[in-house]
Protein backbone atom coordinates (compact mmCIF):
# COMPACT_ATOMS: atom_id res chain seq x y z
CA MET A 1 0.00 0.00 0.00
CA ALA A 2 1.38 3.41 -0.95
CA LEU A 3 2.21 5.92 1.76
CA THR A 4 0.33 9.20 1.76
CA LEU A 5 1.98 12.54 2.39
CA TYR A 6 1.07 15.63 4.39
CA MET A 7 2.77 18.85 3.35
CA ASP A 8 3.82 21.41 5.92
CA HIS A 9 2.98 24.98 4.93
CA HIS A 10 6.68 25.67 4.21
CA VAL A 11 6.67 23.28 1.23
CA PRO A 12 6.66 24.99 -2.18
CA ARG A 13 3.57 24.41 -4.28
CA ALA A 14 5.80 23.08 -7.09
CA ILE A 15 6.67 20.02 -4.98
CA THR A 16 3.04 19.28 -4.21
CA SER A 17 2.02 19.77 -7.84
CA GLY A 18 4.89 17.64 -9.12
CA LEU A 19 3.97 14.78 -6.81
CA ARG A 20 0.31 14.94 -7.74
CA ALA A 21 1.24 14.85 -11.42
CA ARG A 22 2.98 11.55 -10.65
CA GLY A 23 -0.06 10.14 -8.87
CA VAL A 24 1.13 10.56 -5.26
CA ASP A 25 -1.59 11.15 -2.65
CA VAL A 26 -0.73 14.51 -1.09
CA LEU A 27 -2.66 16.72 1.32
CA THR A 28 -1.37 20.16 2.27
CA ALA A 29 -1.79 21.77 5.67
CA TYR A 30 -3.51 24.65 3.90
CA GLU A 31 -6.04 22.36 2.19
CA ASP A 32 -6.68 20.72 5.56
CA GLY A 33 -7.29 24.10 7.21
CA ALA A 34 -4.30 23.46 9.46
CA HIS A 35 -1.76 25.90 8.03
CA GLU A 36 -1.81 28.12 11.12
CA LEU A 37 -1.33 25.31 13.63
CA GLU A 38 1.78 25.09 15.79
CA ASP A 39 4.33 22.48 14.66
CA VAL A 40 3.46 20.11 17.52
CA THR A 41 -0.23 20.16 16.61
CA LEU A 42 0.50 19.89 12.90
CA LEU A 43 2.57 16.76 13.46
CA ASP A 44 -0.30 15.35 15.54
CA ARG A 45 -2.73 16.17 12.74
CA ALA A 46 -0.61 14.37 10.13
CA SER A 47 -0.43 11.35 12.43
CA GLU A 48 -4.21 11.37 12.99
CA LEU A 49 -4.64 11.22 9.21
CA LYS A 50 -1.96 8.47 8.95
CA ARG A 51 0.12 10.61 6.63
CA VAL A 52 3.87 11.10 6.62
CA LEU A 53 4.71 14.77 7.17
CA PHE A 54 7.07 16.34 4.64
CA THR A 55 8.76 19.53 5.72
CA ARG A 56 11.64 21.87 5.00
CA ASP A 57 11.33 23.40 8.49
CA GLU A 58 14.09 22.36 10.93
CA ASP A 59 11.77 22.92 13.90
CA PHE A 60 10.05 19.64 13.07
CA LEU A 61 13.35 17.83 13.56
CA VAL A 62 13.48 19.13 17.13
CA GLU A 63 9.92 17.99 17.81
CA ALA A 64 10.41 14.58 16.20
CA THR A 65 13.59 14.02 18.24
CA ARG A 66 11.78 15.01 21.43
CA ARG A 67 9.01 12.52 20.67
CA GLN A 68 11.52 9.77 19.96
CA GLU A 69 13.26 10.44 23.28
CA VAL A 70 10.09 10.36 25.40
CA GLY A 71 8.20 7.73 23.40
CA ILE A 72 5.42 9.83 21.89
CA PRO A 73 4.39 8.15 18.63
CA PHE A 74 4.14 9.96 15.32
CA TYR A 75 3.54 8.74 11.79
CA GLY A 76 6.86 9.87 10.38
CA VAL A 77 8.69 12.94 9.11
CA VAL A 78 10.62 13.42 5.90
CA TYR A 79 12.90 16.45 5.89
CA ALA A 80 14.68 18.25 3.07
CA HIS A 81 16.90 21.29 3.62
CA GLN A 82 15.53 24.31 1.75
CA LEU A 83 18.81 25.24 0.08
CA ARG A 84 20.53 21.87 -0.30
CA VAL A 85 17.77 19.74 -1.81
CA SER A 86 16.21 20.92 -5.06
CA ILE A 87 12.53 20.84 -5.82
CA GLY A 88 13.10 18.22 -8.52
CA ARG A 89 15.13 15.99 -6.23
CA SER A 90 12.49 16.35 -3.50
CA ILE A 91 9.79 15.24 -5.93
CA ASP A 92 11.83 12.27 -7.15
CA ASP A 93 12.70 11.06 -3.66
CA LEU A 94 9.23 11.61 -2.20
CA GLU A 95 7.71 9.68 -5.09
CA ILE A 96 9.98 6.75 -4.24
CA ILE A 97 9.12 6.93 -0.54
CA ALA A 98 5.40 7.07 -1.26
CA ALA A 99 5.52 4.22 -3.78
CA VAL A 100 7.72 1.70 -2.00
CA GLY A 101 7.82 2.85 1.61
CA GLU A 102 6.06 0.85 4.27
CA GLU A 103 4.35 2.31 7.33
CA ALA A 104 6.90 0.53 9.54
CA ASP A 105 9.76 2.25 7.66
CA LEU A 106 8.67 5.69 8.84
CA LEU A 107 6.67 5.17 12.02
CA ASN A 108 8.38 7.29 14.72
CA GLU A 109 11.26 7.98 12.32
CA VAL A 110 12.79 10.93 10.50
CA LYS A 111 14.10 10.42 6.97
CA TYR A 112 16.36 12.97 5.31
CA LEU A 113 16.44 13.87 1.65
CA PRO A 114 18.22 13.31 -0.60
CA LEU A 115 17.91 9.55 -0.26
């Protein structure tokens, strides 16, 4: 079963559009009405929806690490640095993650792009 993605509000529209053009199931925080939520709540929201959160915001790395340390579950975070990972590379790698990734691969984990 393909993984579904949840896009933080810091993700450029080009990444979301590129993934959708390739048939990846993507929901943005804005579309979900959650674009003004705090990072902690946004990560909870993605987990409620059983979607892996994609972000380019380093603050999510801090929150994910905190949750790992204290045992608070989350559905998974994929992070790409804004300046070091291109939009095209982000699309390519996220497509791979969505297509072949398993829930167990990302549950309570952080994956970094590029792969």
